[in-house]
Amino acid sequence: ISFRPHTRRVAHLRHIAGALLREGGIAEGVVETVQLLVSEIVTNAV
């Protein structure tokens, strides 16, 4: 996904990542870790 930098996008991408991995059967603990790291990396980028 390409987007204009804005902090509200962090929550959107965290949600999308979680939904994608949950649908794929990835363990909830892994999903939560991925969501946290998405938040950190995307926040830095923004």
All heavy atoms as atom14 arrays in JSON, in Angstrom:
{
  "sequence": "ISFRPHTRRVAHLRHIAGALLREGGIAEGVVETVQLLVSEIVTNAV",
  "atom14_mask": [
    [1, 1, 1, 1, 1, 1, 1, 1, 0, 0, 0, 0, 0, 0],
    [1, 1, 1, 1, 1, 1, 0, 0, 0, 0, 0, 0, 0, 0],
    [1, 1, 1, 1, 1, 1, 1, 1, 1, 1, 1, 0, 0, 0],
    [1, 1, 1, 1, 1, 1, 1, 1, 1, 1, 1, 0, 0, 0],
    [1, 1, 1, 1, 1, 1, 1, 0, 0, 0, 0, 0, 0, 0],
    [1, 1, 1, 1, 1, 1, 1, 1, 1, 1, 0, 0, 0, 0],
    [1, 1, 1, 1, 1, 1, 1, 0, 0, 0, 0, 0, 0, 0],
    [1, 1, 1, 1, 1, 1, 1, 1, 1, 1, 1, 0, 0, 0],
    [1, 1, 1, 1, 1, 1, 1, 1, 1, 1, 1, 0, 0, 0],
    [1, 1, 1, 1, 1, 1, 1, 0, 0, 0, 0, 0, 0, 0],
    [1, 1, 1, 1, 1, 0, 0, 0, 0, 0, 0, 0, 0, 0],
    [1, 1, 1, 1, 1, 1, 1, 1, 1, 1, 0, 0, 0, 0],
    [1, 1, 1, 1, 1, 1, 1, 1, 0, 0, 0, 0, 0, 0],
    [1, 1, 1, 1, 1, 1, 1, 1, 1, 1, 1, 0, 0, 0],
    [1, 1, 1, 1, 1, 1, 1, 1, 1, 1, 0, 0, 0, 0],
    [1, 1, 1, 1, 1, 1, 1, 1, 0, 0, 0, 0, 0, 0],
    [1, 1, 1, 1, 1, 0, 0, 0, 0, 0, 0, 0, 0, 0],
    [1, 1, 1, 1, 0, 0, 0, 0, 0, 0, 0, 0, 0, 0],
    [1, 1, 1, 1, 1, 0, 0, 0, 0, 0, 0, 0, 0, 0],
    [1, 1, 1, 1, 1, 1, 1, 1, 0, 0, 0, 0, 0, 0],
    [1, 1, 1, 1, 1, 1, 1, 1, 0, 0, 0, 0, 0, 0],
    [1, 1, 1, 1, 1, 1, 1, 1, 1, 1, 1, 0, 0, 0],
    [1, 1, 1, 1, 1, 1, 1, 1, 1, 0, 0, 0, 0, 0],
    [1, 1, 1, 1, 0, 0, 0, 0, 0, 0, 0, 0, 0, 0],
    [1, 1, 1, 1, 0, 0, 0, 0, 0, 0, 0, 0, 0, 0],
    [1, 1, 1, 1, 1, 1, 1, 1, 0, 0, 0, 0, 0, 0],
    [1, 1, 1, 1, 1, 0, 0, 0, 0, 0, 0, 0, 0, 0],
    [1, 1, 1, 1, 1, 1, 1, 1, 1, 0, 0, 0, 0, 0],
    [1, 1, 1, 1, 0, 0, 0, 0, 0, 0, 0, 0, 0, 0],
    [1, 1, 1, 1, 1, 1, 1, 0, 0, 0, 0, 0, 0, 0],
    [1, 1, 1, 1, 1, 1, 1, 0, 0, 0, 0, 0, 0, 0],
    [1, 1, 1, 1, 1, 1, 1, 1, 1, 0, 0, 0, 0, 0],
    [1, 1, 1, 1, 1, 1, 1, 0, 0, 0, 0, 0, 0, 0],
    [1, 1, 1, 1, 1, 1, 1, 0, 0, 0, 0, 0, 0, 0],
    [1, 1, 1, 1, 1, 1, 1, 1, 1, 0, 0, 0, 0, 0],
    [1, 1, 1, 1, 1, 1, 1, 1, 0, 0, 0, 0, 0, 0],
    [1, 1, 1, 1, 1, 1, 1, 1, 0, 0, 0, 0, 0, 0],
    [1, 1, 1, 1, 1, 1, 1, 0, 0, 0, 0, 0, 0, 0],
    [1, 1, 1, 1, 1, 1, 0, 0, 0, 0, 0, 0, 0, 0],
    [1, 1, 1, 1, 1, 1, 1, 1, 1, 0, 0, 0, 0, 0],
    [1, 1, 1, 1, 1, 1, 1, 1, 0, 0, 0, 0, 0, 0],
    [1, 1, 1, 1, 1, 1, 1, 0, 0, 0, 0, 0, 0, 0],
    [1, 1, 1, 1, 1, 1, 1, 0, 0, 0, 0, 0, 0, 0],
    [1, 1, 1, 1, 1, 1, 1, 1, 0, 0, 0, 0, 0, 0],
    [1, 1, 1, 1, 1, 0, 0, 0, 0, 0, 0, 0, 0, 0],
    [1, 1, 1, 1, 1, 1, 1, 0, 0, 0, 0, 0, 0, 0]
  ],
  "atom14_positions": [
    [[0.85, -1.18, 0.0], [0.0, 0.0, 0.0], [0.89, 1.23, 0.0], [1.85, 1.32, 0.77], [-0.91, 0.03, 1.24], [-1.83, -1.19, 1.27], [-1.72, 1.32, 1.3], [-2.62, -1.33, 2.55], [0.0, 0.0, 0.0], [0.0, 0.0, 0.0], [0.0, 0.0, 0.0], [0.0, 0.0, 0.0], [0.0, 0.0, 0.0], [0.0, 0.0, 0.0]],
    [[0.56, 2.2, -0.84], [1.26, 3.47, -0.86], [0.28, 4.53, -0.37], [-0.89, 4.55, -0.79], [1.72, 3.78, -2.29], [2.34, 5.04, -2.35], [0.0, 0.0, 0.0], [0.0, 0.0, 0.0], [0.0, 0.0, 0.0], [0.0, 0.0, 0.0], [0.0, 0.0, 0.0], [0.0, 0.0, 0.0], [0.0, 0.0, 0.0], [0.0, 0.0, 0.0]],
    [[0.73, 5.41, 0.52], [-0.18, 6.39, 1.11], [0.55, 7.68, 1.45], [1.77, 7.7, 1.58], [-0.85, 5.82, 2.36], [0.11, 5.42, 3.45], [0.43, 6.31, 4.47], [0.71, 4.17, 3.45], [1.32, 5.95, 5.47], [1.6, 3.81, 4.45], [1.91, 4.7, 5.46], [0.0, 0.0, 0.0], [0.0, 0.0, 0.0], [0.0, 0.0, 0.0]],
    [[-0.23, 8.74, 1.57], [0.33, 10.01, 2.03], [0.61, 9.89, 3.53], [-0.21, 9.34, 4.26], [-0.63, 11.15, 1.77], [-0.82, 11.42, 0.3], [-1.44, 12.8, 0.1], [-1.68, 13.04, -1.31], [-0.76, 13.47, -2.16], [0.46, 13.7, -1.73], [-1.06, 13.67, -3.42], [0.0, 0.0, 0.0], [0.0, 0.0, 0.0], [0.0, 0.0, 0.0]],
    [[1.74, 10.38, 3.98], [2.08, 10.22, 5.4], [1.1, 10.96, 6.31], [0.91, 12.16, 6.19], [3.48, 10.83, 5.52], [3.92, 11.18, 4.15], [2.78, 11.06, 3.23], [0.0, 0.0, 0.0], [0.0, 0.0, 0.0], [0.0, 0.0, 0.0], [0.0, 0.0, 0.0], [0.0, 0.0, 0.0], [0.0, 0.0, 0.0], [0.0, 0.0, 0.0]],
    [[0.47, 10.22, 7.17], [-0.4, 10.78, 8.2], [-0.51, 9.75, 9.32], [-0.64, 8.56, 9.05], [-1.78, 11.11, 7.64], [-2.57, 11.98, 8.56], [-3.15, 11.5, 9.71], [-2.86, 13.29, 8.51], [-3.76, 12.5, 10.33], [-3.61, 13.59, 9.63], [0.0, 0.0, 0.0], [0.0, 0.0, 0.0], [0.0, 0.0, 0.0], [0.0, 0.0, 0.0]],
    [[-0.48, 10.21, 10.54], [-0.48, 9.29, 11.68], [-1.73, 8.42, 11.75], [-1.67, 7.33, 12.29], [-0.31, 10.06, 13.01], [-1.32, 11.07, 13.1], [1.07, 10.69, 13.09], [0.0, 0.0, 0.0], [0.0, 0.0, 0.0], [0.0, 0.0, 0.0], [0.0, 0.0, 0.0], [0.0, 0.0, 0.0], [0.0, 0.0, 0.0], [0.0, 0.0, 0.0]],
    [[-2.85, 8.85, 11.19], [-4.05, 8.0, 11.24], [-3.88, 6.72, 10.42], [-4.57, 5.74, 10.64], [-5.29, 8.76, 10.81], [-5.38, 9.05, 9.35], [-6.7, 9.73, 8.98], [-6.64, 10.2, 7.63], [-6.39, 11.44, 7.27], [-6.19, 12.37, 8.18], [-6.34, 11.77, 6.0], [0.0, 0.0, 0.0], [0.0, 0.0, 0.0], [0.0, 0.0, 0.0]],
    [[-2.95, 6.7, 9.5], [-2.69, 5.51, 8.69], [-2.08, 4.38, 9.52], [-2.2, 3.21, 9.17], [-1.76, 5.83, 7.52], [-2.33, 6.8, 6.54], [-3.48, 6.18, 5.78], [-4.05, 7.16, 4.89], [-5.34, 7.46, 4.85], [-6.19, 6.84, 5.63], [-5.77, 8.36, 4.01], [0.0, 0.0, 0.0], [0.0, 0.0, 0.0], [0.0, 0.0, 0.0]],
    [[-1.43, 4.7, 10.61], [-0.8, 3.68, 11.45], [-1.84, 2.68, 11.93], [-1.67, 1.46, 11.8], [-0.04, 4.33, 12.63], [0.51, 3.26, 13.56], [1.07, 5.24, 12.12], [0.0, 0.0, 0.0], [0.0, 0.0, 0.0], [0.0, 0.0, 0.0], [0.0, 0.0, 0.0], [0.0, 0.0, 0.0], [0.0, 0.0, 0.0], [0.0, 0.0, 0.0]],
    [[-2.93, 3.16, 12.48], [-3.99, 2.27, 12.97], [-4.62, 1.47, 11.83], [-4.93, 0.29, 11.99], [-5.06, 3.08, 13.7], [0.0, 0.0, 0.0], [0.0, 0.0, 0.0], [0.0, 0.0, 0.0], [0.0, 0.0, 0.0], [0.0, 0.0, 0.0], [0.0, 0.0, 0.0], [0.0, 0.0, 0.0], [0.0, 0.0, 0.0], [0.0, 0.0, 0.0]],
    [[-4.8, 2.11, 10.67], [-5.37, 1.4, 9.53], [-4.5, 0.21, 9.13], [-5.0, -0.9, 8.92], [-5.51, 2.34, 8.32], [-6.45, 3.46, 8.51], [-6.37, 4.61, 7.77], [-7.49, 3.64, 9.36], [-7.31, 5.45, 8.15], [-8.01, 4.88, 9.12], [0.0, 0.0, 0.0], [0.0, 0.0, 0.0], [0.0, 0.0, 0.0], [0.0, 0.0, 0.0]],
    [[-3.21, 0.44, 9.03], [-2.29, -0.62, 8.6], [-2.14, -1.71, 9.65], [-2.01, -2.89, 9.33], [-0.95, -0.03, 8.2], [-1.03, 0.87, 6.97], [0.28, 1.59, 6.73], [-1.46, 0.09, 5.75], [0.0, 0.0, 0.0], [0.0, 0.0, 0.0], [0.0, 0.0, 0.0], [0.0, 0.0, 0.0], [0.0, 0.0, 0.0], [0.0, 0.0, 0.0]],
    [[-2.17, -1.32, 10.91], [-2.14, -2.32, 11.99], [-3.37, -3.23, 11.89], [-3.26, -4.45, 12.0], [-2.1, -1.59, 13.34], [-1.92, -2.5, 14.52], [-1.76, -1.74, 15.83], [-2.86, -0.82, 16.08], [-2.73, 0.51, 16.19], [-1.55, 1.08, 16.09], [-3.78, 1.25, 16.41], [0.0, 0.0, 0.0], [0.0, 0.0, 0.0], [0.0, 0.0, 0.0]],
    [[-4.51, -2.65, 11.65], [-5.76, -3.42, 11.5], [-5.71, -4.34, 10.28], [-6.07, -5.52, 10.35], [-6.95, -2.47, 11.41], [-8.24, -3.15, 11.18], [-8.9, -3.85, 12.17], [-8.99, -3.29, 10.07], [-10.01, -4.37, 11.68], [-10.08, -4.05, 10.4], [0.0, 0.0, 0.0], [0.0, 0.0, 0.0], [0.0, 0.0, 0.0], [0.0, 0.0, 0.0]],
    [[-5.26, -3.82, 9.15], [-5.17, -4.62, 7.92], [-4.21, -5.79, 8.11], [-4.52, -6.92, 7.73], [-4.71, -3.72, 6.74], [-5.84, -2.76, 6.35], [-4.28, -4.56, 5.55], [-5.39, -1.65, 5.42], [0.0, 0.0, 0.0], [0.0, 0.0, 0.0], [0.0, 0.0, 0.0], [0.0, 0.0, 0.0], [0.0, 0.0, 0.0], [0.0, 0.0, 0.0]],
    [[-3.05, -5.53, 8.71], [-2.07, -6.61, 8.94], [-2.66, -7.69, 9.83], [-2.53, -8.89, 9.56], [-0.8, -6.04, 9.56], [0.0, 0.0, 0.0], [0.0, 0.0, 0.0], [0.0, 0.0, 0.0], [0.0, 0.0, 0.0], [0.0, 0.0, 0.0], [0.0, 0.0, 0.0], [0.0, 0.0, 0.0], [0.0, 0.0, 0.0], [0.0, 0.0, 0.0]],
    [[-3.34, -7.28, 10.89], [-3.95, -8.26, 11.79], [-5.01, -9.09, 11.1], [-5.06, -10.32, 11.27], [0.0, 0.0, 0.0], [0.0, 0.0, 0.0], [0.0, 0.0, 0.0], [0.0, 0.0, 0.0], [0.0, 0.0, 0.0], [0.0, 0.0, 0.0], [0.0, 0.0, 0.0], [0.0, 0.0, 0.0], [0.0, 0.0, 0.0], [0.0, 0.0, 0.0]],
    [[-5.86, -8.45, 10.31], [-6.92, -9.18, 9.61], [-6.34, -10.17, 8.61], [-6.8, -11.32, 8.54], [-7.85, -8.19, 8.9], [0.0, 0.0, 0.0], [0.0, 0.0, 0.0], [0.0, 0.0, 0.0], [0.0, 0.0, 0.0], [0.0, 0.0, 0.0], [0.0, 0.0, 0.0], [0.0, 0.0, 0.0], [0.0, 0.0, 0.0], [0.0, 0.0, 0.0]],
    [[-5.33, -9.77, 7.88], [-4.7, -10.65, 6.9], [-4.12, -11.9, 7.57], [-4.36, -13.02, 7.13], [-3.59, -9.9, 6.15], [-2.76, -10.72, 5.17], [-3.6, -11.1, 3.97], [-1.53, -9.94, 4.75], [0.0, 0.0, 0.0], [0.0, 0.0, 0.0], [0.0, 0.0, 0.0], [0.0, 0.0, 0.0], [0.0, 0.0, 0.0], [0.0, 0.0, 0.0]],
    [[-3.4, -11.71, 8.66], [-2.75, -12.84, 9.33], [-3.75, -13.72, 10.07], [-3.61, -14.94, 10.09], [-1.66, -12.33, 10.26], [-0.51, -11.58, 9.57], [0.48, -11.06, 10.59], [0.18, -12.46, 8.53], [0.0, 0.0, 0.0], [0.0, 0.0, 0.0], [0.0, 0.0, 0.0], [0.0, 0.0, 0.0], [0.0, 0.0, 0.0], [0.0, 0.0, 0.0]],
    [[-4.76, -13.11, 10.68], [-5.78, -13.92, 11.36], [-6.53, -14.79, 10.38], [-6.81, -15.95, 10.65], [-6.76, -13.01, 12.11], [-6.22, -12.48, 13.4], [-7.25, -11.68, 14.18], [-6.62, -11.07, 15.32], [-6.24, -9.79, 15.39], [-6.46, -8.97, 14.37], [-5.65, -9.33, 16.47], [0.0, 0.0, 0.0], [0.0, 0.0, 0.0], [0.0, 0.0, 0.0]],
    [[-6.88, -14.24, 9.23], [-7.57, -15.02, 8.19], [-6.7, -16.18, 7.73], [-7.21, -17.21, 7.33], [-7.93, -14.14, 7.0], [-9.13, -13.27, 7.22], [-10.41, -14.08, 7.39], [-10.65, -15.03, 6.63], [-11.18, -13.75, 8.31], [0.0, 0.0, 0.0], [0.0, 0.0, 0.0], [0.0, 0.0, 0.0], [0.0, 0.0, 0.0], [0.0, 0.0, 0.0]],
    [[-5.4, -16.01, 7.8], [-4.49, -17.06, 7.38], [-4.16, -18.07, 8.46], [-3.39, -18.98, 8.25], [0.0, 0.0, 0.0], [0.0, 0.0, 0.0], [0.0, 0.0, 0.0], [0.0, 0.0, 0.0], [0.0, 0.0, 0.0], [0.0, 0.0, 0.0], [0.0, 0.0, 0.0], [0.0, 0.0, 0.0], [0.0, 0.0, 0.0], [0.0, 0.0, 0.0]],
    [[-4.75, -17.89, 9.64], [-4.54, -18.86, 10.7], [-3.27, -18.68, 11.51], [-2.86, -19.58, 12.24], [0.0, 0.0, 0.0], [0.0, 0.0, 0.0], [0.0, 0.0, 0.0], [0.0, 0.0, 0.0], [0.0, 0.0, 0.0], [0.0, 0.0, 0.0], [0.0, 0.0, 0.0], [0.0, 0.0, 0.0], [0.0, 0.0, 0.0], [0.0, 0.0, 0.0]],
    [[-2.65, -17.53, 11.43], [-1.46, -17.26, 12.22], [-1.86, -17.08, 13.68], [-2.88, -16.46, 13.99], [-0.72, -16.01, 11.69], [-0.26, -16.23, 10.26], [0.44, -15.62, 12.58], [0.75, -17.33, 10.08], [0.0, 0.0, 0.0], [0.0, 0.0, 0.0], [0.0, 0.0, 0.0], [0.0, 0.0, 0.0], [0.0, 0.0, 0.0], [0.0, 0.0, 0.0]],
    [[-1.07, -17.6, 14.6], [-1.36, -17.55, 16.04], [-1.54, -16.11, 16.51], [-0.82, -15.2, 16.07], [-0.23, -18.22, 16.82], [0.0, 0.0, 0.0], [0.0, 0.0, 0.0], [0.0, 0.0, 0.0], [0.0, 0.0, 0.0], [0.0, 0.0, 0.0], [0.0, 0.0, 0.0], [0.0, 0.0, 0.0], [0.0, 0.0, 0.0], [0.0, 0.0, 0.0]],
    [[-2.47, -15.93, 17.44], [-2.81, -14.59, 17.92], [-1.61, -13.86, 18.51], [-1.45, -12.66, 18.31], [-3.95, -14.66, 18.94], [-4.48, -13.31, 19.36], [-5.06, -12.47, 18.23], [-5.55, -13.04, 17.22], [-5.02, -11.23, 18.34], [0.0, 0.0, 0.0], [0.0, 0.0, 0.0], [0.0, 0.0, 0.0], [0.0, 0.0, 0.0], [0.0, 0.0, 0.0]],
    [[-0.75, -14.55, 19.23], [0.44, -13.9, 19.79], [1.35, -13.33, 18.72], [1.9, -12.24, 18.88], [0.0, 0.0, 0.0], [0.0, 0.0, 0.0], [0.0, 0.0, 0.0], [0.0, 0.0, 0.0], [0.0, 0.0, 0.0], [0.0, 0.0, 0.0], [0.0, 0.0, 0.0], [0.0, 0.0, 0.0], [0.0, 0.0, 0.0], [0.0, 0.0, 0.0]],
    [[1.49, -14.05, 17.63], [2.3, -13.57, 16.49], [1.62, -12.37, 15.85], [2.27, -11.37, 15.52], [2.54, -14.69, 15.46], [3.25, -14.16, 14.23], [3.32, -15.84, 16.09], [0.0, 0.0, 0.0], [0.0, 0.0, 0.0], [0.0, 0.0, 0.0], [0.0, 0.0, 0.0], [0.0, 0.0, 0.0], [0.0, 0.0, 0.0], [0.0, 0.0, 0.0]],
    [[0.31, -12.45, 15.68], [-0.44, -11.35, 15.07], [-0.25, -10.08, 15.9], [0.01, -9.0, 15.36], [-1.94, -11.69, 14.94], [-2.75, -10.47, 14.5], [-2.14, -12.85, 13.97], [0.0, 0.0, 0.0], [0.0, 0.0, 0.0], [0.0, 0.0, 0.0], [0.0, 0.0, 0.0], [0.0, 0.0, 0.0], [0.0, 0.0, 0.0], [0.0, 0.0, 0.0]],
    [[-0.34, -10.19, 17.22], [-0.17, -9.02, 18.09], [1.24, -8.44, 17.98], [1.41, -7.22, 17.97], [-0.5, -9.39, 19.53], [-1.98, -9.66, 19.73], [-2.3, -10.26, 21.09], [-1.36, -10.53, 21.88], [-3.5, -10.46, 21.36], [0.0, 0.0, 0.0], [0.0, 0.0, 0.0], [0.0, 0.0, 0.0], [0.0, 0.0, 0.0], [0.0, 0.0, 0.0]],
    [[2.24, -9.3, 17.89], [3.62, -8.83, 17.72], [3.77, -8.1, 16.39], [4.35, -7.01, 16.33], [4.62, -10.0, 17.81], [4.52, -10.58, 19.11], [6.05, -9.53, 17.56], [0.0, 0.0, 0.0], [0.0, 0.0, 0.0], [0.0, 0.0, 0.0], [0.0, 0.0, 0.0], [0.0, 0.0, 0.0], [0.0, 0.0, 0.0], [0.0, 0.0, 0.0]],
    [[3.24, -8.68, 15.33], [3.3, -8.04, 14.01], [2.61, -6.68, 14.06], [3.14, -5.69, 13.55], [2.69, -8.95, 12.91], [2.47, -8.17, 11.63], [3.58, -10.16, 12.67], [0.0, 0.0, 0.0], [0.0, 0.0, 0.0], [0.0, 0.0, 0.0], [0.0, 0.0, 0.0], [0.0, 0.0, 0.0], [0.0, 0.0, 0.0], [0.0, 0.0, 0.0]],
    [[1.45, -6.62, 14.68], [0.73, -5.35, 14.74], [1.53, -4.28, 15.49], [1.56, -3.12, 15.06], [-0.64, -5.55, 15.39], [-1.61, -6.29, 14.49], [-2.96, -6.45, 15.14], [-3.08, -7.07, 16.19], [-3.98, -5.91, 14.5], [0.0, 0.0, 0.0], [0.0, 0.0, 0.0], [0.0, 0.0, 0.0], [0.0, 0.0, 0.0], [0.0, 0.0, 0.0]],
    [[2.17, -4.65, 16.57], [3.01, -3.71, 17.3], [4.15, -3.21, 16.43], [4.43, -2.01, 16.36], [3.55, -4.35, 18.58], [4.55, -3.51, 19.37], [3.92, -2.2, 19.85], [5.1, -4.31, 20.54], [0.0, 0.0, 0.0], [0.0, 0.0, 0.0], [0.0, 0.0, 0.0], [0.0, 0.0, 0.0], [0.0, 0.0, 0.0], [0.0, 0.0, 0.0]],
    [[4.81, -4.13, 15.72], [5.94, -3.74, 14.89], [5.5, -2.92, 13.68], [6.22, -2.0, 13.26], [6.75, -4.97, 14.49], [7.36, -5.72, 15.68], [8.21, -6.88, 15.19], [8.14, -4.82, 16.59], [0.0, 0.0, 0.0], [0.0, 0.0, 0.0], [0.0, 0.0, 0.0], [0.0, 0.0, 0.0], [0.0, 0.0, 0.0], [0.0, 0.0, 0.0]],
    [[4.34, -3.23, 13.12], [3.78, -2.39, 12.05], [3.61, -0.97, 12.58], [4.0, 0.0, 11.92], [2.44, -2.96, 11.53], [1.68, -1.92, 10.71], [2.67, -4.22, 10.71], [0.0, 0.0, 0.0], [0.0, 0.0, 0.0], [0.0, 0.0, 0.0], [0.0, 0.0, 0.0], [0.0, 0.0, 0.0], [0.0, 0.0, 0.0], [0.0, 0.0, 0.0]],
    [[3.04, -0.84, 13.78], [2.85, 0.48, 14.37], [4.16, 1.24, 14.49], [4.25, 2.42, 14.14], [2.22, 0.37, 15.76], [0.92, -0.11, 15.69], [0.0, 0.0, 0.0], [0.0, 0.0, 0.0], [0.0, 0.0, 0.0], [0.0, 0.0, 0.0], [0.0, 0.0, 0.0], [0.0, 0.0, 0.0], [0.0, 0.0, 0.0], [0.0, 0.0, 0.0]],
    [[5.19, 0.57, 14.98], [6.46, 1.25, 15.21], [7.15, 1.65, 13.91], [7.63, 2.77, 13.77], [7.38, 0.37, 16.06], [6.86, 0.07, 17.45], [6.51, 1.3, 18.27], [7.09, 2.38, 18.04], [5.63, 1.18, 19.14], [0.0, 0.0, 0.0], [0.0, 0.0, 0.0], [0.0, 0.0, 0.0], [0.0, 0.0, 0.0], [0.0, 0.0, 0.0]],
    [[7.19, 0.73, 12.96], [7.89, 1.02, 11.7], [7.13, 2.06, 10.87], [7.73, 2.97, 10.29], [8.13, -0.29, 10.92], [9.25, -1.07, 11.63], [8.51, -0.02, 9.47], [9.6, -2.38, 10.99], [0.0, 0.0, 0.0], [0.0, 0.0, 0.0], [0.0, 0.0, 0.0], [0.0, 0.0, 0.0], [0.0, 0.0, 0.0], [0.0, 0.0, 0.0]],
    [[5.81, 1.94, 10.81], [5.03, 2.91, 10.03], [5.06, 4.29, 10.71], [5.17, 5.31, 10.03], [3.6, 2.41, 9.8], [2.74, 3.49, 9.16], [3.61, 1.15, 8.93], [0.0, 0.0, 0.0], [0.0, 0.0, 0.0], [0.0, 0.0, 0.0], [0.0, 0.0, 0.0], [0.0, 0.0, 0.0], [0.0, 0.0, 0.0], [0.0, 0.0, 0.0]],
    [[4.98, 4.33, 12.02], [5.07, 5.62, 12.71], [6.39, 6.3, 12.4], [6.42, 7.5, 12.1], [4.91, 5.44, 14.23], [3.6, 4.93, 14.5], [5.09, 6.76, 14.97], [0.0, 0.0, 0.0], [0.0, 0.0, 0.0], [0.0, 0.0, 0.0], [0.0, 0.0, 0.0], [0.0, 0.0, 0.0], [0.0, 0.0, 0.0], [0.0, 0.0, 0.0]],
    [[7.49, 5.57, 12.45], [8.8, 6.15, 12.1], [8.79, 6.69, 10.67], [9.32, 7.77, 10.41], [9.92, 5.12, 12.25], [10.37, 4.98, 13.69], [9.94, 5.71, 14.57], [11.24, 4.02, 13.92], [0.0, 0.0, 0.0], [0.0, 0.0, 0.0], [0.0, 0.0, 0.0], [0.0, 0.0, 0.0], [0.0, 0.0, 0.0], [0.0, 0.0, 0.0]],
    [[8.2, 5.94, 9.75], [8.16, 6.37, 8.35], [7.34, 7.64, 8.19], [7.72, 8.56, 7.46], [7.6, 5.25, 7.47], [0.0, 0.0, 0.0], [0.0, 0.0, 0.0], [0.0, 0.0, 0.0], [0.0, 0.0, 0.0], [0.0, 0.0, 0.0], [0.0, 0.0, 0.0], [0.0, 0.0, 0.0], [0.0, 0.0, 0.0], [0.0, 0.0, 0.0]],
    [[6.22, 7.7, 8.88], [5.33, 8.87, 8.78], [5.97, 10.1, 9.43], [5.96, 11.19, 8.87], [3.96, 8.55, 9.42], [3.14, 9.81, 9.63], [3.19, 7.55, 8.57], [0.0, 0.0, 0.0], [0.0, 0.0, 0.0], [0.0, 0.0, 0.0], [0.0, 0.0, 0.0], [0.0, 0.0, 0.0], [0.0, 0.0, 0.0], [0.0, 0.0, 0.0]]
  ]
}
